[in-house]
Amino acid sequence: MEIKRLKKENYDELISLLNLVFSKQNNCVMDFERELPNMCVRDDAHMKKHIGLFVDNMLVSVVGVYPLPTKVLDSEINFCTVGNVATHPDYEGRGYMNLLLNKAMEIVKEEKYDACRLGGNRARYLRFGFELCGRNYSYYITPNNVKKSPLWDYGQNTRVNEILPSDENSLTFARKLYHQSKVSTLRADNDIMYRVMTAWKNTPYLVSKNDVPIGYFTLTPDKKTVSEAYATNQKSYLDTVVAISNYLNGDFSITLPQHDIDLLREMNKCAEYMSIQTPSNFNIVNFEKVVDAYIKLKASYTRLAHGCVTVDIKEYGKIKIFANEDGCGCVSFDGECDFELLKSDATRFIFGMHDPVSVIEPSLFVKANLPLPLSWNTQNRV
């Protein structure tokens, strides 16, 4: 048995293993080269993001650690995804996956990631530090919502066109628009932009009004879900929603992050119904840095109550979350704390889908300011 990072010569073996394992797991035929084109590049730079376990020179188990540097307002957070956790069916039950996940978490610490995310079974990954948290807001839109709600005033003179990989102008526009949002994961060039937009077999589209680009969106293969949508301003976003409805002539869902409060207020008036979902399992590695960034994000769209709370996080350390007339933030703390919490409880206390009272009886400061607006764009999974 040998554990090592993959190289470009392992590409075909990796894709075959992932297709085999996830086709069986999902009960459908998987094609990772189409599902995750941004991952599937035959070179050492992309393949070394995978840790493989080999038996008799055969790749039988794998896990990936994928850097996803993210900006939250002006803060740079070193996020990563731990994913594509797979073991060949003939080699299950031997503890190989535990070995690789432990190795992955060592890499997360060695490479100084501030936080990482992972999709999958909560019970399986909780012991590796991952916990369900965050909020995404999904809205279900029907043609009647467009005709009989405030949306009816939008969408005039709009046009929808598919964005092709050769359409540099549209890709440049979309990439710039994406990076202007309050939270964005780095998409370094137009090629990467297209690969990310087309992940999970999505199709990207440009929306124009009076022949001027105003937004873009990506659509799942069944044309029922908008995976991401960005526009130049609030009015253009609503124009884009109506343009999507007119293009599809049917029902669809669209998701917004928790921090886009102005858009949430508008969509709350219009949608047939809405739901709040946890976007992922998260492992917060650097609480001070991540909490500091997200409390500042919350302060960018709402007034915070003044005060502070101190938390002793077991197996991590003590932090102080504060807001006052001079600003807000999170710093390390040395003293007696208001609460002592396990790391998983602290993650839900600060970033959970439910109010902090679901973890422990909070102070008025906590009730007013938490949870913080952690969301995740599903196209940024790898």
Protein backbone atom coordinates (compact mmCIF):
# COMPACT_ATOMS: atom_id res chain seq x y z
CA MET A 1 0.00 0.00 0.00
CA GLU A 2 1.27 3.48 -0.90
CA ILE A 3 -0.28 6.96 -0.42
CA LYS A 4 0.92 9.72 -2.75
CA ARG A 5 -0.20 12.72 -4.74
CA LEU A 6 -1.32 11.95 -8.27
CA LYS A 7 0.47 13.03 -11.45
CA LYS A 8 -0.76 13.57 -14.98
CA GLU A 9 -0.03 9.93 -15.85
CA ASN A 10 -2.68 8.95 -13.28
CA TYR A 11 -5.39 10.98 -15.07
CA ASP A 12 -7.21 8.13 -16.85
CA GLU A 13 -7.08 5.92 -13.76
CA LEU A 14 -8.53 8.72 -11.61
CA ILE A 15 -11.41 9.47 -13.99
CA SER A 16 -12.24 5.77 -14.34
CA LEU A 17 -12.31 5.32 -10.55
CA LEU A 18 -14.52 8.36 -9.98
CA ASN A 19 -16.94 7.39 -12.74
CA LEU A 20 -17.16 3.83 -11.41
CA VAL A 21 -17.72 4.77 -7.76
CA PHE A 22 -20.14 7.65 -8.26
CA SER A 23 -22.14 5.91 -11.00
CA LYS A 24 -22.81 3.14 -8.51
CA GLN A 25 -23.45 5.55 -5.65
CA ASN A 26 -25.80 7.83 -7.59
CA ASN A 27 -27.45 5.05 -9.58
CA CYS A 28 -26.78 6.83 -12.86
CA VAL A 29 -23.96 7.04 -15.39
CA MET A 30 -21.44 9.69 -14.33
CA ASP A 31 -19.06 11.50 -16.65
CA PHE A 32 -16.61 13.50 -14.55
CA GLU A 33 -15.00 15.15 -17.54
CA ARG A 34 -18.37 16.83 -18.15
CA GLU A 35 -19.42 17.12 -14.50
CA LEU A 36 -16.23 18.83 -13.31
CA PRO A 37 -14.29 20.20 -16.29
CA ASN A 38 -12.29 22.57 -14.09
CA MET A 39 -10.86 19.58 -12.21
CA CYS A 40 -10.34 17.30 -15.20
CA VAL A 41 -7.18 18.64 -16.76
CA ARG A 42 -4.42 16.24 -17.76
CA ASP A 43 -1.45 17.94 -16.10
CA ASP A 44 0.49 17.71 -12.86
CA ALA A 45 -0.89 21.00 -11.51
CA HIS A 46 -4.47 19.64 -11.46
CA MET A 47 -3.68 16.02 -10.64
CA LYS A 48 -1.49 16.82 -7.62
CA LYS A 49 -4.60 18.16 -5.87
CA HIS A 50 -5.58 14.48 -5.44
CA ILE A 51 -4.19 12.09 -2.84
CA GLY A 52 -4.32 8.49 -4.03
CA LEU A 53 -3.96 5.19 -2.23
CA PHE A 54 -2.38 2.47 -4.37
CA VAL A 55 -2.41 -1.29 -3.84
CA ASP A 56 -0.08 -3.27 -6.13
CA ASN A 57 0.35 -0.09 -8.21
CA MET A 58 -3.43 0.18 -8.72
CA LEU A 59 -5.31 3.33 -7.66
CA VAL A 60 -8.06 2.06 -5.34
CA SER A 61 -8.95 5.10 -3.22
CA VAL A 62 -8.73 8.86 -3.68
CA VAL A 63 -9.62 12.20 -2.12
CA GLY A 64 -9.07 15.70 -3.48
CA VAL A 65 -8.09 18.98 -1.81
CA TYR A 66 -8.92 21.84 -4.18
CA PRO A 67 -7.87 25.46 -3.42
CA LEU A 68 -10.72 27.98 -3.72
CA PRO A 69 -9.32 31.40 -2.71
CA THR A 70 -12.30 33.57 -1.85
CA LYS A 71 -12.85 37.29 -1.30
CA VAL A 72 -15.40 38.37 1.30
CA LEU A 73 -15.61 42.14 0.80
CA ASP A 74 -11.93 43.12 1.20
CA SER A 75 -10.92 40.03 3.17
CA GLU A 76 -9.09 37.20 1.42
CA ILE A 77 -10.12 33.82 2.83
CA ASN A 78 -8.11 30.75 1.88
CA PHE A 79 -10.99 28.31 1.29
CA CYS A 80 -10.67 24.84 -0.17
CA THR A 81 -12.96 21.98 -1.08
CA VAL A 82 -12.27 18.48 0.17
CA GLY A 83 -14.08 16.25 -2.27
CA ASN A 84 -14.33 13.39 -4.73
CA VAL A 85 -13.99 10.94 -1.86
CA ALA A 86 -14.01 7.52 -3.54
CA THR A 87 -12.90 3.94 -2.91
CA HIS A 88 -13.12 1.10 -5.44
CA PRO A 89 -16.03 -1.22 -4.47
CA ASP A 90 -13.65 -4.22 -4.24
CA TYR A 91 -11.55 -2.42 -1.62
CA GLU A 92 -14.22 -1.00 0.66
CA GLY A 93 -14.21 -1.70 4.39
CA ARG A 94 -10.43 -1.65 4.79
CA GLY A 95 -10.11 1.83 6.33
CA TYR A 96 -8.53 3.35 3.23
CA MET A 97 -10.90 6.32 3.16
CA ASN A 98 -10.18 7.18 6.79
CA LEU A 99 -6.46 7.17 6.01
CA LEU A 100 -6.92 9.52 3.07
CA LEU A 101 -9.27 11.91 4.86
CA ASN A 102 -6.85 12.15 7.78
CA LYS A 103 -4.10 12.89 5.25
CA ALA A 104 -6.33 15.50 3.59
CA MET A 105 -6.90 17.27 6.91
CA GLU A 106 -3.14 17.28 7.52
CA ILE A 107 -2.73 19.03 4.15
CA VAL A 108 -5.45 21.55 5.08
CA LYS A 109 -3.40 22.52 8.15
CA GLU A 110 0.00 22.39 6.42
CA GLU A 111 -1.16 24.60 3.55
CA LYS A 112 -2.82 27.00 6.00
CA TYR A 113 -6.36 26.93 4.69
CA ASP A 114 -8.74 29.13 6.71
CA ALA A 115 -11.78 26.97 6.02
CA CYS A 116 -12.85 24.09 3.85
CA ARG A 117 -16.13 22.69 2.62
CA LEU A 118 -17.35 19.27 1.62
CA GLY A 119 -20.55 17.81 0.23
CA GLY A 120 -21.75 14.48 1.49
CA ASN A 121 -23.04 12.54 4.44
CA ARG A 122 -22.93 14.59 7.63
CA ALA A 123 -22.52 11.58 9.94
CA ARG A 124 -19.51 10.38 7.93
CA TYR A 125 -17.62 13.67 7.89
CA LEU A 126 -18.51 15.22 11.26
CA ARG A 127 -15.59 13.43 12.92
CA PHE A 128 -13.21 15.10 10.49
CA GLY A 129 -14.35 18.55 11.63
CA PHE A 130 -17.10 19.24 9.08
CA GLU A 131 -20.51 20.53 10.14
CA LEU A 132 -23.66 21.52 8.28
CA CYS A 133 -24.06 25.29 8.40
CA GLY A 134 -24.70 28.40 6.34
CA ARG A 135 -27.82 29.49 4.48
CA ASN A 136 -28.84 29.65 0.84
CA TYR A 137 -32.25 31.06 -0.10
CA SER A 138 -34.02 29.29 -2.98
CA TYR A 139 -36.98 30.85 -4.79
CA TYR A 140 -39.45 29.00 -6.99
CA ILE A 141 -40.70 31.14 -9.87
CA THR A 142 -43.66 30.35 -12.15
CA PRO A 143 -44.96 32.25 -15.21
CA ASN A 144 -47.89 33.42 -13.08
CA ASN A 145 -45.46 35.00 -10.63
CA VAL A 146 -44.11 37.08 -13.50
CA LYS A 147 -47.58 38.06 -14.73
CA LYS A 148 -49.22 38.77 -11.37
CA SER A 149 -46.49 40.10 -9.08
CA PRO A 150 -44.12 43.09 -9.03
CA LEU A 151 -42.00 41.20 -11.57
CA TRP A 152 -44.48 42.02 -14.34
CA ASP A 153 -42.84 45.43 -14.74
CA TYR A 154 -39.48 43.90 -15.66
CA GLY A 155 -37.93 42.02 -18.55
CA GLN A 156 -38.98 44.21 -21.46
CA ASN A 157 -36.63 44.17 -24.46
CA THR A 158 -34.44 41.44 -23.00
CA ARG A 159 -32.74 38.65 -24.93
CA VAL A 160 -31.07 35.42 -23.80
CA ASN A 161 -28.14 33.86 -25.69
CA GLU A 162 -25.97 30.88 -24.81
CA ILE A 163 -22.38 31.77 -23.93
CA LEU A 164 -19.95 29.71 -26.00
CA PRO A 165 -16.33 29.02 -25.01
CA SER A 166 -15.13 31.21 -27.90
CA ASP A 167 -17.24 34.21 -26.83
CA GLU A 168 -14.50 36.19 -25.10
CA ASN A 169 -16.54 39.39 -24.73
CA SER A 170 -19.39 37.64 -22.93
CA LEU A 171 -17.00 35.65 -20.75
CA THR A 172 -15.05 38.79 -19.82
CA PHE A 173 -18.29 40.58 -18.94
CA ALA A 174 -19.58 37.66 -16.87
CA ARG A 175 -16.28 37.16 -15.03
CA LYS A 176 -16.02 40.85 -14.15
CA LEU A 177 -19.63 40.85 -12.96
CA TYR A 178 -19.06 37.77 -10.83
CA HIS A 179 -15.97 39.23 -9.16
CA GLN A 180 -17.83 42.45 -8.33
CA SER A 181 -20.10 40.56 -5.95
CA LYS A 182 -19.51 40.80 -2.20
CA VAL A 183 -18.35 37.18 -2.04
CA SER A 184 -16.49 35.58 -4.93
CA THR A 185 -14.13 32.66 -5.42
CA LEU A 186 -11.26 33.36 -7.78
CA ARG A 187 -11.89 32.57 -11.44
CA ALA A 188 -8.53 33.56 -12.83
CA ASP A 189 -9.28 33.74 -16.56
CA ASN A 190 -12.03 33.23 -19.12
CA ASP A 191 -11.17 29.57 -19.63
CA ILE A 192 -11.61 28.85 -15.93
CA MET A 193 -14.74 31.01 -15.88
CA TYR A 194 -16.29 28.86 -18.61
CA ARG A 195 -15.22 25.62 -16.95
CA VAL A 196 -16.78 26.66 -13.64
CA MET A 197 -20.00 27.87 -15.26
CA THR A 198 -20.38 24.58 -17.14
CA ALA A 199 -19.68 22.35 -14.12
CA TRP A 200 -22.39 19.77 -13.36
CA LYS A 201 -23.37 19.97 -17.06
CA ASN A 202 -24.74 23.50 -16.66
CA THR A 203 -25.15 25.81 -19.64
CA PRO A 204 -24.27 29.53 -19.29
CA TYR A 205 -26.37 32.29 -20.85
CA LEU A 206 -25.92 36.03 -21.37
CA VAL A 207 -28.87 38.37 -20.78
CA SER A 208 -29.03 41.60 -22.78
CA LYS A 209 -31.50 44.49 -22.61
CA ASN A 210 -31.78 46.70 -25.66
CA ASP A 211 -28.68 44.85 -26.94
CA VAL A 212 -26.60 45.83 -23.86
CA PRO A 213 -25.40 43.00 -21.55
CA ILE A 214 -26.99 43.26 -18.10
CA GLY A 215 -26.41 39.84 -16.55
CA TYR A 216 -25.77 36.14 -16.95
CA PHE A 217 -26.99 32.86 -15.50
CA THR A 218 -26.25 29.14 -15.64
CA LEU A 219 -28.93 26.50 -16.08
CA THR A 220 -28.99 22.80 -15.14
CA PRO A 221 -29.55 20.21 -17.89
CA ASP A 222 -33.23 19.74 -16.97
CA LYS A 223 -33.72 23.51 -17.27
CA LYS A 224 -35.37 23.61 -13.86
CA THR A 225 -32.65 25.20 -11.72
CA VAL A 226 -30.60 28.38 -12.11
CA SER A 227 -27.31 27.49 -10.45
CA GLU A 228 -25.94 31.03 -10.41
CA ALA A 229 -27.12 34.41 -11.64
CA TYR A 230 -25.45 37.83 -11.48
CA ALA A 231 -26.49 41.20 -12.86
CA THR A 232 -25.19 44.77 -13.01
CA ASN A 233 -27.67 46.05 -10.41
CA GLN A 234 -30.92 45.19 -8.63
CA LYS A 235 -33.18 46.23 -11.52
CA SER A 236 -31.06 44.27 -13.98
CA TYR A 237 -31.27 41.21 -11.71
CA LEU A 238 -35.07 41.36 -11.79
CA ASP A 239 -34.92 41.88 -15.57
CA THR A 240 -32.74 38.77 -15.69
CA VAL A 241 -35.22 36.74 -13.63
CA VAL A 242 -38.03 37.66 -16.01
CA ALA A 243 -35.81 37.00 -19.03
CA ILE A 244 -35.15 33.49 -17.69
CA SER A 245 -38.89 32.94 -17.17
CA ASN A 246 -39.67 34.09 -20.71
CA TYR A 247 -36.87 31.97 -22.14
CA LEU A 248 -38.01 28.82 -20.32
CA ASN A 249 -41.76 29.48 -20.45
CA GLY A 250 -42.00 27.31 -17.35
CA ASP A 251 -41.20 26.99 -13.66
CA PHE A 252 -37.68 27.23 -12.27
CA SER A 253 -35.81 27.82 -9.01
CA ILE A 254 -33.12 30.40 -8.38
CA THR A 255 -30.85 30.77 -5.34
CA LEU A 256 -29.52 33.82 -3.54
CA PRO A 257 -26.92 34.11 -0.79
CA GLN A 258 -27.92 35.34 2.64
CA HIS A 259 -26.04 38.64 2.27
CA ASP A 260 -27.89 39.87 -0.87
CA ILE A 261 -30.53 41.43 1.33
CA ASP A 262 -31.94 43.92 -1.21
CA LEU A 263 -32.54 41.13 -3.73
CA LEU A 264 -33.97 38.87 -1.03
CA ARG A 265 -36.50 41.55 -0.15
CA GLU A 266 -37.58 41.84 -3.78
CA MET A 267 -37.76 38.10 -4.41
CA ASN A 268 -39.74 37.61 -1.20
CA LYS A 269 -42.50 39.68 -2.81
CA CYS A 270 -42.61 37.67 -6.01
CA ALA A 271 -41.81 33.98 -5.63
CA GLU A 272 -44.43 31.25 -5.47
CA TYR A 273 -42.57 29.85 -2.48
CA MET A 274 -39.10 29.84 -0.98
CA SER A 275 -36.91 27.57 1.10
CA ILE A 276 -33.76 28.00 3.20
CA GLN A 277 -31.09 25.35 2.81
CA THR A 278 -27.66 24.58 4.21
CA PRO A 279 -25.29 24.83 1.24
CA SER A 280 -22.57 22.49 2.49
CA ASN A 281 -20.59 20.96 5.32
CA PHE A 282 -17.93 23.40 6.51
CA ASN A 283 -14.79 23.00 8.58
CA ILE A 284 -13.72 26.35 10.03
CA VAL A 285 -9.96 26.14 10.57
CA ASN A 286 -9.18 29.80 11.40
CA PHE A 287 -12.16 31.08 13.40
CA GLU A 288 -10.72 34.56 14.01
CA LYS A 289 -10.15 35.27 10.33
CA VAL A 290 -13.34 33.71 8.97
CA VAL A 291 -15.65 35.13 11.65
CA ASP A 292 -14.02 38.56 11.28
CA ALA A 293 -14.70 38.56 7.53
CA TYR A 294 -18.31 37.46 7.82
CA ILE A 295 -19.32 39.80 10.64
CA LYS A 296 -17.98 42.64 8.51
CA LEU A 297 -20.02 41.26 5.62
CA LYS A 298 -23.15 41.35 7.79
CA ALA A 299 -22.35 44.92 8.86
CA SER A 300 -22.27 45.88 5.15
CA TYR A 301 -26.03 45.39 4.81
CA THR A 302 -27.52 45.79 8.30
CA ARG A 303 -26.83 47.65 11.54
CA LEU A 304 -25.28 45.46 14.24
CA ALA A 305 -26.17 45.59 17.91
CA HIS A 306 -23.24 46.77 20.03
CA GLY A 307 -21.60 44.47 22.52
CA CYS A 308 -19.50 41.32 22.46
CA VAL A 309 -19.48 37.59 23.12
CA THR A 310 -16.52 35.39 24.05
CA VAL A 311 -16.41 31.69 23.17
CA ASP A 312 -13.99 28.99 24.28
CA ILE A 313 -13.94 26.52 21.37
CA LYS A 314 -12.61 23.15 22.47
CA GLU A 315 -9.68 21.88 20.42
CA TYR A 316 -9.28 25.38 18.96
CA GLY A 317 -9.05 28.27 21.44
CA LYS A 318 -10.83 31.38 22.63
CA ILE A 319 -12.32 34.12 20.46
CA LYS A 320 -14.10 37.40 21.00
CA ILE A 321 -16.78 38.62 18.57
CA PHE A 322 -17.60 42.32 18.95
CA ALA A 323 -19.39 45.30 17.45
CA ASN A 324 -19.22 48.91 18.60
CA GLU A 325 -19.27 52.47 17.28
CA ASP A 326 -15.78 51.98 15.82
CA GLY A 327 -16.57 48.81 13.89
CA CYS A 328 -16.86 45.07 14.34
CA GLY A 329 -14.70 41.99 14.14
CA CYS A 330 -13.32 38.87 15.76
CA VAL A 331 -10.05 38.50 17.66
CA SER A 332 -8.34 35.90 19.82
CA PHE A 333 -9.13 36.20 23.53
CA ASP A 334 -7.41 35.41 26.79
CA GLY A 335 -9.77 35.24 29.74
CA GLU A 336 -12.92 33.66 31.10
CA CYS A 337 -15.44 33.12 28.30
CA ASP A 338 -19.21 33.43 28.16
CA PHE A 339 -19.55 29.97 26.60
CA GLU A 340 -17.51 26.82 26.15
CA LEU A 341 -18.50 24.86 23.06
CA LEU A 342 -17.34 21.91 21.01
CA LYS A 343 -16.04 22.96 17.60
CA SER A 344 -19.10 21.55 15.81
CA ASP A 345 -21.44 23.39 18.21
CA ALA A 346 -19.43 26.61 17.83
CA THR A 347 -19.68 26.34 14.03
CA ARG A 348 -23.47 26.05 14.21
CA PHE A 349 -23.64 28.73 16.93
CA ILE A 350 -21.88 31.26 14.68
CA PHE A 351 -22.82 30.13 11.16
CA GLY A 352 -25.76 27.78 11.65
CA MET A 353 -28.94 27.54 9.64
CA HIS A 354 -30.97 28.10 12.81
CA ASP A 355 -30.75 30.83 15.43
CA PRO A 356 -28.02 30.40 18.09
CA VAL A 357 -30.65 29.46 20.67
CA SER A 358 -30.73 26.06 18.96
CA VAL A 359 -27.21 25.51 20.36
CA ILE A 360 -27.23 27.34 23.69
CA GLU A 361 -29.19 30.16 25.36
CA PRO A 362 -27.56 33.27 23.87
CA SER A 363 -27.12 36.85 25.05
CA LEU A 364 -29.04 39.74 23.47
CA PHE A 365 -25.92 40.66 21.48
CA VAL A 366 -25.79 37.14 20.03
CA LYS A 367 -29.52 37.03 19.31
CA ALA A 368 -29.26 40.28 17.39
CA ASN A 369 -26.14 39.52 15.34
CA LEU A 370 -25.82 35.77 14.78
CA PRO A 371 -25.82 33.63 12.72
CA LEU A 372 -23.38 35.21 10.30
CA PRO A 373 -24.19 35.11 6.56
CA LEU A 374 -22.13 32.15 5.36
CA SER A 375 -23.42 31.00 1.95
CA TRP A 376 -21.91 29.06 -0.93
CA ASN A 377 -22.36 29.16 -4.70
CA THR A 378 -22.93 25.55 -5.77
CA GLN A 379 -20.88 26.03 -8.96
CA ASN A 380 -17.81 26.54 -6.74
CA ARG A 381 -17.70 22.99 -5.41
CA VAL A 382 -14.43 22.05 -7.10
